[in-house]
Amino acid sequence: LPARAQTRSVTDSAGRRVNVPAQVQRIFPAGPPAAIWLYT
């Protein structure tokens, strides 16, 4: 199956369960602080 179909569950800082692809290759930053976190 493609990587997106193979997911893993991660709990974010708000306590939400997020199903993330096995391989994360493209990430969209929702705002400037997130962009800097991701860049580093």
Full PDB file with SEQRES, HELIX, SHEET, SSBOND, CRYST1, ORIGX, SCALE, CONECT and MASTER records, all heavy atoms in Angstrom:
SEQRES   1 A   40  LEU PRO ALA ARG ALA GLN THR ARG SER VAL THR ASP SER          
SEQRES   2 A   40  ALA GLY ARG ARG VAL ASN VAL PRO ALA GLN VAL GLN ARG          
SEQRES   3 A   40  ILE PHE PRO ALA GLY PRO PRO ALA ALA ILE TRP LEU TYR          
SEQRES   4 A   40  THR                                                          
HELIX    1 AA1 PRO A   32  TYR A   39  1                                   8    
SHEET    1 AA1 2 THR A   7  THR A  11  0                                        
SHEET    2 AA1 2 ARG A  17  PRO A  21 -1                                        
CRYST1    1.000    1.000    1.000  90.00  90.00  90.00 P 1           1          
ORIGX1      1.000000  0.000000  0.000000        0.00000                         
ORIGX2      0.000000  1.000000  0.000000        0.00000                         
ORIGX3      0.000000  0.000000  1.000000        0.00000                         
SCALE1      1.000000  0.000000  0.000000        0.00000                         
SCALE2      0.000000  1.000000  0.000000        0.00000                         
SCALE3      0.000000  0.000000  1.000000        0.00000                         
ATOM      1  N   LEU A   1       0.825  -1.199   0.000  1.00  0.00           N  
ATOM      2  CA  LEU A   1       0.000   0.000   0.000  1.00  0.00           C  
ATOM      3  C   LEU A   1       0.856   1.243   0.000  1.00  0.00           C  
ATOM      4  O   LEU A   1       1.981   1.221   0.498  1.00  0.00           O  
ATOM      5  CB  LEU A   1      -0.905   0.006   1.241  1.00  0.00           C  
ATOM      6  CG  LEU A   1      -2.028  -1.053   1.273  1.00  0.00           C  
ATOM      7  CD1 LEU A   1      -2.714  -1.016   2.620  1.00  0.00           C  
ATOM      8  CD2 LEU A   1      -3.016  -0.831   0.151  1.00  0.00           C  
ATOM      9  N   PRO A   2       0.367   2.362  -0.544  1.00  0.00           N  
ATOM     10  CA  PRO A   2       1.129   3.608  -0.491  1.00  0.00           C  
ATOM     11  C   PRO A   2       1.360   4.046   0.938  1.00  0.00           C  
ATOM     12  O   PRO A   2       0.609   3.693   1.848  1.00  0.00           O  
ATOM     13  CB  PRO A   2       0.236   4.604  -1.241  1.00  0.00           C  
ATOM     14  CG  PRO A   2      -1.113   3.982  -1.281  1.00  0.00           C  
ATOM     15  CD  PRO A   2      -0.913   2.518  -1.245  1.00  0.00           C  
ATOM     16  N   ALA A   3       2.386   4.887   1.133  1.00  0.00           N  
ATOM     17  CA  ALA A   3       2.795   5.302   2.476  1.00  0.00           C  
ATOM     18  C   ALA A   3       1.648   5.961   3.226  1.00  0.00           C  
ATOM     19  O   ALA A   3       1.501   5.782   4.430  1.00  0.00           O  
ATOM     20  CB  ALA A   3       3.986   6.256   2.397  1.00  0.00           C  
ATOM     21  N   ARG A   4       0.782   6.719   2.528  1.00  0.00           N  
ATOM     22  CA  ARG A   4      -0.307   7.419   3.206  1.00  0.00           C  
ATOM     23  C   ARG A   4      -1.280   6.424   3.839  1.00  0.00           C  
ATOM     24  O   ARG A   4      -1.901   6.708   4.860  1.00  0.00           O  
ATOM     25  CB  ARG A   4      -1.035   8.345   2.233  1.00  0.00           C  
ATOM     26  CG  ARG A   4      -2.144   9.126   2.886  1.00  0.00           C  
ATOM     27  CD  ARG A   4      -2.807  10.075   1.916  1.00  0.00           C  
ATOM     28  NE  ARG A   4      -2.004  11.241   1.644  1.00  0.00           N  
ATOM     29  CZ  ARG A   4      -1.955  12.309   2.430  1.00  0.00           C  
ATOM     30  NH1 ARG A   4      -2.651  12.337   3.549  1.00  0.00           N  
ATOM     31  NH2 ARG A   4      -1.207  13.345   2.112  1.00  0.00           N  
ATOM     32  N   ALA A   5      -1.446   5.230   3.194  1.00  0.00           N  
ATOM     33  CA  ALA A   5      -2.382   4.257   3.723  1.00  0.00           C  
ATOM     34  C   ALA A   5      -1.841   3.595   4.996  1.00  0.00           C  
ATOM     35  O   ALA A   5      -2.605   3.092   5.807  1.00  0.00           O  
ATOM     36  CB  ALA A   5      -2.692   3.210   2.663  1.00  0.00           C  
ATOM     37  N   GLN A   6      -0.539   3.550   5.135  1.00  0.00           N  
ATOM     38  CA  GLN A   6       0.072   2.978   6.321  1.00  0.00           C  
ATOM     39  C   GLN A   6       0.297   4.110   7.325  1.00  0.00           C  
ATOM     40  O   GLN A   6       1.221   4.887   7.190  1.00  0.00           O  
ATOM     41  CB  GLN A   6       1.400   2.316   5.960  1.00  0.00           C  
ATOM     42  CG  GLN A   6       1.268   1.215   4.924  1.00  0.00           C  
ATOM     43  CD  GLN A   6       2.617   0.645   4.538  1.00  0.00           C  
ATOM     44  OE1 GLN A   6       3.488   0.466   5.370  1.00  0.00           O  
ATOM     45  NE2 GLN A   6       2.783   0.368   3.255  1.00  0.00           N  
ATOM     46  N   THR A   7      -0.578   4.189   8.300  1.00  0.00           N  
ATOM     47  CA  THR A   7      -0.514   5.302   9.235  1.00  0.00           C  
ATOM     48  C   THR A   7      -0.121   4.825  10.617  1.00  0.00           C  
ATOM     49  O   THR A   7      -0.208   3.647  10.942  1.00  0.00           O  
ATOM     50  CB  THR A   7      -1.865   6.026   9.306  1.00  0.00           C  
ATOM     51  OG1 THR A   7      -2.856   5.115   9.794  1.00  0.00           O  
ATOM     52  CG2 THR A   7      -2.277   6.565   7.942  1.00  0.00           C  
ATOM     53  N   ARG A   8       0.314   5.795  11.426  1.00  0.00           N  
ATOM     54  CA  ARG A   8       0.614   5.560  12.834  1.00  0.00           C  
ATOM     55  C   ARG A   8      -0.046   6.681  13.619  1.00  0.00           C  
ATOM     56  O   ARG A   8      -0.172   7.800  13.137  1.00  0.00           O  
ATOM     57  CB  ARG A   8       2.125   5.540  13.074  1.00  0.00           C  
ATOM     58  CG  ARG A   8       2.842   6.721  12.480  1.00  0.00           C  
ATOM     59  CD  ARG A   8       4.315   6.448  12.218  1.00  0.00           C  
ATOM     60  NE  ARG A   8       4.878   7.487  11.384  1.00  0.00           N  
ATOM     61  CZ  ARG A   8       5.302   8.658  11.821  1.00  0.00           C  
ATOM     62  NH1 ARG A   8       5.238   8.923  13.128  1.00  0.00           N  
ATOM     63  NH2 ARG A   8       5.787   9.554  11.020  1.00  0.00           N  
ATOM     64  N   SER A   9      -0.453   6.377  14.805  1.00  0.00           N  
ATOM     65  CA  SER A   9      -1.185   7.341  15.620  1.00  0.00           C  
ATOM     66  C   SER A   9      -0.231   8.059  16.565  1.00  0.00           C  
ATOM     67  O   SER A   9       0.537   7.421  17.288  1.00  0.00           O  
ATOM     68  CB  SER A   9      -2.276   6.627  16.418  1.00  0.00           C  
ATOM     69  OG  SER A   9      -3.045   7.543  17.155  1.00  0.00           O  
ATOM     70  N   VAL A  10      -0.281   9.394  16.539  1.00  0.00           N  
ATOM     71  CA  VAL A  10       0.579  10.223  17.388  1.00  0.00           C  
ATOM     72  C   VAL A  10      -0.327  11.207  18.135  1.00  0.00           C  
ATOM     73  O   VAL A  10      -1.249  11.780  17.547  1.00  0.00           O  
ATOM     74  CB  VAL A  10       1.613  11.002  16.551  1.00  0.00           C  
ATOM     75  CG1 VAL A  10       2.469  11.895  17.446  1.00  0.00           C  
ATOM     76  CG2 VAL A  10       2.490  10.040  15.758  1.00  0.00           C  
ATOM     77  N   THR A  11      -0.066  11.395  19.417  1.00  0.00           N  
ATOM     78  CA  THR A  11      -0.830  12.355  20.207  1.00  0.00           C  
ATOM     79  C   THR A  11      -0.139  13.709  20.174  1.00  0.00           C  
ATOM     80  O   THR A  11       1.031  13.820  20.550  1.00  0.00           O  
ATOM     81  CB  THR A  11      -0.958  11.886  21.669  1.00  0.00           C  
ATOM     82  OG1 THR A  11      -1.591  10.606  21.694  1.00  0.00           O  
ATOM     83  CG2 THR A  11      -1.784  12.872  22.482  1.00  0.00           C  
ATOM     84  N   ASP A  12      -0.856  14.739  19.707  1.00  0.00           N  
ATOM     85  CA  ASP A  12      -0.233  16.054  19.604  1.00  0.00           C  
ATOM     86  C   ASP A  12      -0.325  16.811  20.926  1.00  0.00           C  
ATOM     87  O   ASP A  12      -0.799  16.277  21.940  1.00  0.00           O  
ATOM     88  CB  ASP A  12      -0.813  16.861  18.433  1.00  0.00           C  
ATOM     89  CG  ASP A  12      -2.251  17.340  18.668  1.00  0.00           C  
ATOM     90  OD1 ASP A  12      -2.788  17.139  19.779  1.00  0.00           O  
ATOM     91  OD2 ASP A  12      -2.828  17.935  17.741  1.00  0.00           O  
ATOM     92  N   SER A  13       0.121  18.069  20.939  1.00  0.00           N  
ATOM     93  CA  SER A  13       0.200  18.842  22.182  1.00  0.00           C  
ATOM     94  C   SER A  13      -1.172  19.186  22.760  1.00  0.00           C  
ATOM     95  O   SER A  13      -1.276  19.552  23.933  1.00  0.00           O  
ATOM     96  CB  SER A  13       0.980  20.145  21.948  1.00  0.00           C  
ATOM     97  OG  SER A  13       2.316  19.870  21.610  1.00  0.00           O  
ATOM     98  N   ALA A  14      -2.211  19.071  21.946  1.00  0.00           N  
ATOM     99  CA  ALA A  14      -3.565  19.336  22.427  1.00  0.00           C  
ATOM    100  C   ALA A  14      -4.259  18.065  22.893  1.00  0.00           C  
ATOM    101  O   ALA A  14      -5.442  18.104  23.242  1.00  0.00           O  
ATOM    102  CB  ALA A  14      -4.384  20.006  21.321  1.00  0.00           C  
ATOM    103  N   GLY A  15      -3.525  16.949  22.884  1.00  0.00           N  
ATOM    104  CA  GLY A  15      -4.117  15.679  23.298  1.00  0.00           C  
ATOM    105  C   GLY A  15      -4.932  15.011  22.212  1.00  0.00           C  
ATOM    106  O   GLY A  15      -5.671  14.060  22.482  1.00  0.00           O  
ATOM    107  N   ARG A  16      -4.822  15.456  20.978  1.00  0.00           N  
ATOM    108  CA  ARG A  16      -5.558  14.895  19.855  1.00  0.00           C  
ATOM    109  C   ARG A  16      -4.772  13.730  19.252  1.00  0.00           C  
ATOM    110  O   ARG A  16      -3.565  13.829  19.077  1.00  0.00           O  
ATOM    111  CB  ARG A  16      -5.795  15.960  18.772  1.00  0.00           C  
ATOM    112  CG  ARG A  16      -6.569  17.164  19.250  1.00  0.00           C  
ATOM    113  CD  ARG A  16      -6.458  18.338  18.286  1.00  0.00           C  
ATOM    114  NE  ARG A  16      -6.902  18.035  16.934  1.00  0.00           N  
ATOM    115  CZ  ARG A  16      -6.076  17.881  15.899  1.00  0.00           C  
ATOM    116  NH1 ARG A  16      -4.759  18.007  16.056  1.00  0.00           N  
ATOM    117  NH2 ARG A  16      -6.541  17.621  14.701  1.00  0.00           N  
ATOM    118  N   ARG A  17      -5.453  12.659  18.916  1.00  0.00           N  
ATOM    119  CA  ARG A  17      -4.812  11.548  18.226  1.00  0.00           C  
ATOM    120  C   ARG A  17      -4.805  11.855  16.736  1.00  0.00           C  
ATOM    121  O   ARG A  17      -5.849  12.080  16.118  1.00  0.00           O  
ATOM    122  CB  ARG A  17      -5.551  10.242  18.482  1.00  0.00           C  
ATOM    123  CG  ARG A  17      -5.598   9.820  19.943  1.00  0.00           C  
ATOM    124  CD  ARG A  17      -4.221   9.508  20.500  1.00  0.00           C  
ATOM    125  NE  ARG A  17      -3.633   8.313  19.914  1.00  0.00           N  
ATOM    126  CZ  ARG A  17      -2.426   7.851  20.218  1.00  0.00           C  
ATOM    127  NH1 ARG A  17      -1.673   8.505  21.100  1.00  0.00           N  
ATOM    128  NH2 ARG A  17      -1.951   6.772  19.656  1.00  0.00           N  
ATOM    129  N   VAL A  18      -3.614  11.902  16.164  1.00  0.00           N  
ATOM    130  CA  VAL A  18      -3.459  12.243  14.748  1.00  0.00           C  
ATOM    131  C   VAL A  18      -2.859  11.044  14.025  1.00  0.00           C  
ATOM    132  O   VAL A  18      -1.803  10.531  14.425  1.00  0.00           O  
ATOM    133  CB  VAL A  18      -2.537  13.473  14.576  1.00  0.00           C  
ATOM    134  CG1 VAL A  18      -2.414  13.847  13.102  1.00  0.00           C  
ATOM    135  CG2 VAL A  18      -3.067  14.652  15.384  1.00  0.00           C  
ATOM    136  N   ASN A  19      -3.527  10.587  12.986  1.00  0.00           N  
ATOM    137  CA  ASN A  19      -3.034   9.462  12.191  1.00  0.00           C  
ATOM    138  C   ASN A  19      -2.096   9.987  11.103  1.00  0.00           C  
ATOM    139  O   ASN A  19      -2.538  10.618  10.140  1.00  0.00           O  
ATOM    140  CB  ASN A  19      -4.203   8.689  11.567  1.00  0.00           C  
ATOM    141  CG  ASN A  19      -5.022   7.982  12.621  1.00  0.00           C  
ATOM    142  OD1 ASN A  19      -4.485   7.467  13.601  1.00  0.00           O  
ATOM    143  ND2 ASN A  19      -6.340   7.950  12.441  1.00  0.00           N  
ATOM    144  N   VAL A  20      -0.833   9.696  11.277  1.00  0.00           N  
ATOM    145  CA  VAL A  20       0.211  10.259  10.414  1.00  0.00           C  
ATOM    146  C   VAL A  20       0.730   9.179   9.461  1.00  0.00           C  
ATOM    147  O   VAL A  20       0.888   8.020   9.869  1.00  0.00           O  
ATOM    148  CB  VAL A  20       1.375  10.781  11.286  1.00  0.00           C  
ATOM    149  CG1 VAL A  20       2.448  11.428  10.426  1.00  0.00           C  
ATOM    150  CG2 VAL A  20       0.857  11.772  12.311  1.00  0.00           C  
ATOM    151  N   PRO A  21       0.990   9.523   8.192  1.00  0.00           N  
ATOM    152  CA  PRO A  21       1.550   8.540   7.265  1.00  0.00           C  
ATOM    153  C   PRO A  21       2.871   7.956   7.775  1.00  0.00           C  
ATOM    154  O   PRO A  21       3.612   8.617   8.502  1.00  0.00           O  
ATOM    155  CB  PRO A  21       1.768   9.348   5.979  1.00  0.00           C  
ATOM    156  CG  PRO A  21       0.837  10.497   6.090  1.00  0.00           C  
ATOM    157  CD  PRO A  21       0.742  10.820   7.541  1.00  0.00           C  
ATOM    158  N   ALA A  22       3.147   6.755   7.392  1.00  0.00           N  
ATOM    159  CA  ALA A  22       4.390   6.109   7.810  1.00  0.00           C  
ATOM    160  C   ALA A  22       5.600   6.920   7.362  1.00  0.00           C  
ATOM    161  O   ALA A  22       6.594   7.021   8.085  1.00  0.00           O  
ATOM    162  CB  ALA A  22       4.456   4.696   7.230  1.00  0.00           C  
ATOM    163  N   GLN A  23       5.523   7.503   6.176  1.00  0.00           N  
ATOM    164  CA  GLN A  23       6.588   8.358   5.665  1.00  0.00           C  
ATOM    165  C   GLN A  23       6.027   9.758   5.421  1.00  0.00           C  
ATOM    166  O   GLN A  23       5.101   9.918   4.624  1.00  0.00           O  
ATOM    167  CB  GLN A  23       7.172   7.797   4.366  1.00  0.00           C  
ATOM    168  CG  GLN A  23       7.895   6.479   4.543  1.00  0.00           C  
ATOM    169  CD  GLN A  23       8.522   6.000   3.243  1.00  0.00           C  
ATOM    170  OE1 GLN A  23       8.442   6.670   2.213  1.00  0.00           O  
ATOM    171  NE2 GLN A  23       9.141   4.838   3.286  1.00  0.00           N  
ATOM    172  N   VAL A  24       6.580  10.729   6.120  1.00  0.00           N  
ATOM    173  CA  VAL A  24       6.150  12.118   5.967  1.00  0.00           C  
ATOM    174  C   VAL A  24       7.203  12.849   5.141  1.00  0.00           C  
ATOM    175  O   VAL A  24       8.315  13.068   5.597  1.00  0.00           O  
ATOM    176  CB  VAL A  24       5.976  12.792   7.345  1.00  0.00           C  
ATOM    177  CG1 VAL A  24       5.632  14.262   7.174  1.00  0.00           C  
ATOM    178  CG2 VAL A  24       4.881  12.077   8.136  1.00  0.00           C  
ATOM    179  N   GLN A  25       6.823  13.213   3.920  1.00  0.00           N  
ATOM    180  CA  GLN A  25       7.778  13.829   2.996  1.00  0.00           C  
ATOM    181  C   GLN A  25       7.426  15.258   2.629  1.00  0.00           C  
ATOM    182  O   GLN A  25       8.291  15.999   2.162  1.00  0.00           O  
ATOM    183  CB  GLN A  25       7.880  12.976   1.723  1.00  0.00           C  
ATOM    184  CG  GLN A  25       8.383  11.561   1.998  1.00  0.00           C  
ATOM    185  CD  GLN A  25       8.348  10.692   0.758  1.00  0.00           C  
ATOM    186  OE1 GLN A  25       7.480  10.840  -0.113  1.00  0.00           O  
ATOM    187  NE2 GLN A  25       9.293   9.769   0.665  1.00  0.00           N  
ATOM    188  N   ARG A  26       6.163  15.655   2.829  1.00  0.00           N  
ATOM    189  CA  ARG A  26       5.726  17.002   2.474  1.00  0.00           C  
ATOM    190  C   ARG A  26       4.883  17.547   3.625  1.00  0.00           C  
ATOM    191  O   ARG A  26       3.817  17.003   3.927  1.00  0.00           O  
ATOM    192  CB  ARG A  26       4.912  16.999   1.170  1.00  0.00           C  
ATOM    193  CG  ARG A  26       5.736  16.694  -0.062  1.00  0.00           C  
ATOM    194  CD  ARG A  26       4.855  16.527  -1.306  1.00  0.00           C  
ATOM    195  NE  ARG A  26       4.027  17.693  -1.587  1.00  0.00           N  
ATOM    196  CZ  ARG A  26       4.471  18.804  -2.182  1.00  0.00           C  
ATOM    197  NH1 ARG A  26       5.741  18.896  -2.551  1.00  0.00           N  
ATOM    198  NH2 ARG A  26       3.639  19.813  -2.415  1.00  0.00           N  
ATOM    199  N   ILE A  27       5.365  18.630   4.249  1.00  0.00           N  
ATOM    200  CA  ILE A  27       4.671  19.188   5.412  1.00  0.00           C  
ATOM    201  C   ILE A  27       4.297  20.635   5.137  1.00  0.00           C  
ATOM    202  O   ILE A  27       5.133  21.447   4.726  1.00  0.00           O  
ATOM    203  CB  ILE A  27       5.542  19.115   6.683  1.00  0.00           C  
ATOM    204  CG1 ILE A  27       6.082  17.698   6.883  1.00  0.00           C  
ATOM    205  CG2 ILE A  27       4.744  19.557   7.904  1.00  0.00           C  
ATOM    206  CD1 ILE A  27       7.031  17.564   8.056  1.00  0.00           C  
ATOM    207  N   PHE A  28       3.053  20.958   5.401  1.00  0.00           N  
ATOM    208  CA  PHE A  28       2.546  22.318   5.212  1.00  0.00           C  
ATOM    209  C   PHE A  28       2.557  23.030   6.568  1.00  0.00           C  
ATOM    210  O   PHE A  28       1.914  22.579   7.517  1.00  0.00           O  
ATOM    211  CB  PHE A  28       1.126  22.282   4.653  1.00  0.00           C  
ATOM    212  CG  PHE A  28       0.568  23.636   4.288  1.00  0.00           C  
ATOM    213  CD1 PHE A  28       0.647  24.088   2.985  1.00  0.00           C  
ATOM    214  CD2 PHE A  28      -0.008  24.453   5.247  1.00  0.00           C  
ATOM    215  CE1 PHE A  28       0.136  25.339   2.645  1.00  0.00           C  
ATOM    216  CE2 PHE A  28      -0.512  25.697   4.922  1.00  0.00           C  
ATOM    217  CZ  PHE A  28      -0.428  26.149   3.608  1.00  0.00           C  
ATOM    218  N   PRO A  29       3.272  24.165   6.676  1.00  0.00           N  
ATOM    219  CA  PRO A  29       3.260  24.921   7.931  1.00  0.00           C  
ATOM    220  C   PRO A  29       2.040  25.830   7.999  1.00  0.00           C  
ATOM    221  O   PRO A  29       1.799  26.635   7.104  1.00  0.00           O  
ATOM    222  CB  PRO A  29       4.551  25.744   7.840  1.00  0.00           C  
ATOM    223  CG  PRO A  29       4.733  25.992   6.366  1.00  0.00           C  
ATOM    224  CD  PRO A  29       4.163  24.776   5.671  1.00  0.00           C  
ATOM    225  N   ALA A  30       1.269  25.725   9.084  1.00  0.00           N  
ATOM    226  CA  ALA A  30       0.042  26.514   9.186  1.00  0.00           C  
ATOM    227  C   ALA A  30       0.312  27.993   9.416  1.00  0.00           C  
ATOM    228  O   ALA A  30      -0.540  28.830   9.144  1.00  0.00           O  
ATOM    229  CB  ALA A  30      -0.839  25.968  10.312  1.00  0.00           C  
ATOM    230  N   GLY A  31       1.491  28.342   9.937  1.00  0.00           N  
ATOM    231  CA  GLY A  31       1.850  29.731  10.196  1.00  0.00           C  
ATOM    232  C   GLY A  31       3.355  29.879  10.327  1.00  0.00           C  
ATOM    233  O   GLY A  31       4.095  28.888  10.298  1.00  0.00           O  
ATOM    234  N   PRO A  32       3.847  31.120  10.483  1.00  0.00           N  
ATOM    235  CA  PRO A  32       5.289  31.362  10.555  1.00  0.00           C  
ATOM    236  C   PRO A  32       6.013  30.597  11.661  1.00  0.00           C  
ATOM    237  O   PRO A  32       7.103  30.056  11.411  1.00  0.00           O  
ATOM    238  CB  PRO A  32       5.376  32.881  10.759  1.00  0.00           C  
ATOM    239  CG  PRO A  32       4.129  33.404  10.118  1.00  0.00           C  
ATOM    240  CD  PRO A  32       3.078  32.382  10.414  1.00  0.00           C  
ATOM    241  N   PRO A  33       5.498  30.525  12.903  1.00  0.00           N  
ATOM    242  CA  PRO A  33       6.232  29.758  13.920  1.00  0.00           C  
ATOM    243  C   PRO A  33       6.449  28.303  13.517  1.00  0.00           C  
ATOM    244  O   PRO A  33       7.539  27.751  13.702  1.00  0.00           O  
ATOM    245  CB  PRO A  33       5.338  29.882  15.157  1.00  0.00           C  
ATOM    246  CG  PRO A  33       4.610  31.174  14.972  1.00  0.00           C  
ATOM    247  CD  PRO A  33       4.332  31.222  13.501  1.00  0.00           C  
ATOM    248  N   ALA A  34       5.417  27.679  12.945  1.00  0.00           N  
ATOM    249  CA  ALA A  34       5.542  26.283  12.527  1.00  0.00           C  
ATOM    250  C   ALA A  34       6.571  26.121  11.420  1.00  0.00           C  
ATOM    251  O   ALA A  34       7.317  25.130  11.386  1.00  0.00           O  
ATOM    252  CB  ALA A  34       4.183  25.758  12.064  1.00  0.00           C  
ATOM    253  N   ALA A  35       6.635  27.081  10.507  1.00  0.00           N  
ATOM    254  CA  ALA A  35       7.606  27.002   9.416  1.00  0.00           C  
ATOM    255  C   ALA A  35       9.033  26.962   9.953  1.00  0.00           C  
ATOM    256  O   ALA A  35       9.880  26.215   9.450  1.00  0.00           O  
ATOM    257  CB  ALA A  35       7.429  28.186   8.467  1.00  0.00           C  
ATOM    258  N   ILE A  36       9.308  27.740  10.984  1.00  0.00           N  
ATOM    259  CA  ILE A  36      10.663  27.765  11.550  1.00  0.00           C  
ATOM    260  C   ILE A  36      10.956  26.470  12.292  1.00  0.00           C  
ATOM    261  O   ILE A  36      12.052  25.909  12.178  1.00  0.00           O  
ATOM    262  CB  ILE A  36      10.848  28.993  12.450  1.00  0.00           C  
ATOM    263  CG1 ILE A  36      10.623  30.266  11.636  1.00  0.00           C  
ATOM    264  CG2 ILE A  36      12.243  29.009  13.071  1.00  0.00           C  
ATOM    265  CD1 ILE A  36      10.625  31.541  12.455  1.00  0.00           C  
ATOM    266  N   TRP A  37      10.000  25.977  13.066  1.00  0.00           N  
ATOM    267  CA  TRP A  37      10.169  24.665  13.702  1.00  0.00           C  
ATOM    268  C   TRP A  37      10.537  23.618  12.643  1.00  0.00           C  
ATOM    269  O   TRP A  37      11.494  22.855  12.818  1.00  0.00           O  
ATOM    270  CB  TRP A  37       8.863  24.234  14.371  1.00  0.00           C  
ATOM    271  CG  TRP A  37       8.578  24.772  15.717  1.00  0.00           C  
ATOM    272  CD1 TRP A  37       7.989  25.972  16.026  1.00  0.00           C  
ATOM    273  CD2 TRP A  37       8.824  24.139  16.989  1.00  0.00           C  
ATOM    274  NE1 TRP A  37       7.851  26.108  17.383  1.00  0.00           N  
ATOM    275  CE2 TRP A  37       8.345  25.004  17.998  1.00  0.00           C  
ATOM    276  CE3 TRP A  37       9.380  22.921  17.351  1.00  0.00           C  
ATOM    277  CZ2 TRP A  37       8.418  24.686  19.354  1.00  0.00           C  
ATOM    278  CZ3 TRP A  37       9.447  22.600  18.707  1.00  0.00           C  
ATOM    279  CH2 TRP A  37       8.983  23.471  19.689  1.00  0.00           C  
ATOM    280  N   LEU A  38       9.759  23.572  11.569  1.00  0.00           N  
ATOM    281  CA  LEU A  38       9.973  22.559  10.540  1.00  0.00           C  
ATOM    282  C   LEU A  38      11.298  22.750   9.827  1.00  0.00           C  
ATOM    283  O   LEU A  38      12.002  21.772   9.530  1.00  0.00           O  
ATOM    284  CB  LEU A  38       8.818  22.600   9.541  1.00  0.00           C  
ATOM    285  CG  LEU A  38       7.471  22.111  10.092  1.00  0.00           C  
ATOM    286  CD1 LEU A  38       6.341  22.489   9.145  1.00  0.00           C  
ATOM    287  CD2 LEU A  38       7.507  20.612  10.321  1.00  0.00           C  
ATOM    288  N   TYR A  39      11.647  23.995   9.533  1.00  0.00           N  
ATOM    289  CA  TYR A  39      12.927  24.249   8.863  1.00  0.00           C  
ATOM    290  C   TYR A  39      14.093  23.720   9.694  1.00  0.00           C  
ATOM    291  O   TYR A  39      15.029  23.122   9.162  1.00  0.00           O  
ATOM    292  CB  TYR A  39      13.109  25.747   8.607  1.00  0.00           C  
ATOM    293  CG  TYR A  39      14.509  26.084   8.138  1.00  0.00           C  
ATOM    294  CD1 TYR A  39      14.870  25.927   6.804  1.00  0.00           C  
ATOM    295  CD2 TYR A  39      15.483  26.511   9.036  1.00  0.00           C  
ATOM    296  CE1 TYR A  39      16.164  26.201   6.378  1.00  0.00           C  
ATOM    297  CE2 TYR A  39      16.774  26.784   8.626  1.00  0.00           C  
ATOM    298  CZ  TYR A  39      17.111  26.629   7.296  1.00  0.00           C  
ATOM    299  OH  TYR A  39      18.397  26.887   6.888  1.00  0.00           O  
ATOM    300  N   THR A  40      14.059  23.948  11.006  1.00  0.00           N  
ATOM    301  CA  THR A  40      15.188  23.542  11.843  1.00  0.00           C  
ATOM    302  C   THR A  40      15.282  22.029  11.987  1.00  0.00           C  
ATOM    303  O   THR A  40      16.378  21.491  12.156  1.00  0.00           O  
ATOM    304  CB  THR A  40      15.092  24.175  13.248  1.00  0.00           C  
ATOM    305  OG1 THR A  40      13.869  23.766  13.878  1.00  0.00           O  
ATOM    306  CG2 THR A  40      15.158  25.690  13.164  1.00  0.00           C  
TER     307      THR A  40                                                      
MASTER        0    0    0    1    2    0    0    6  306    1    0    4          
END                                                                             
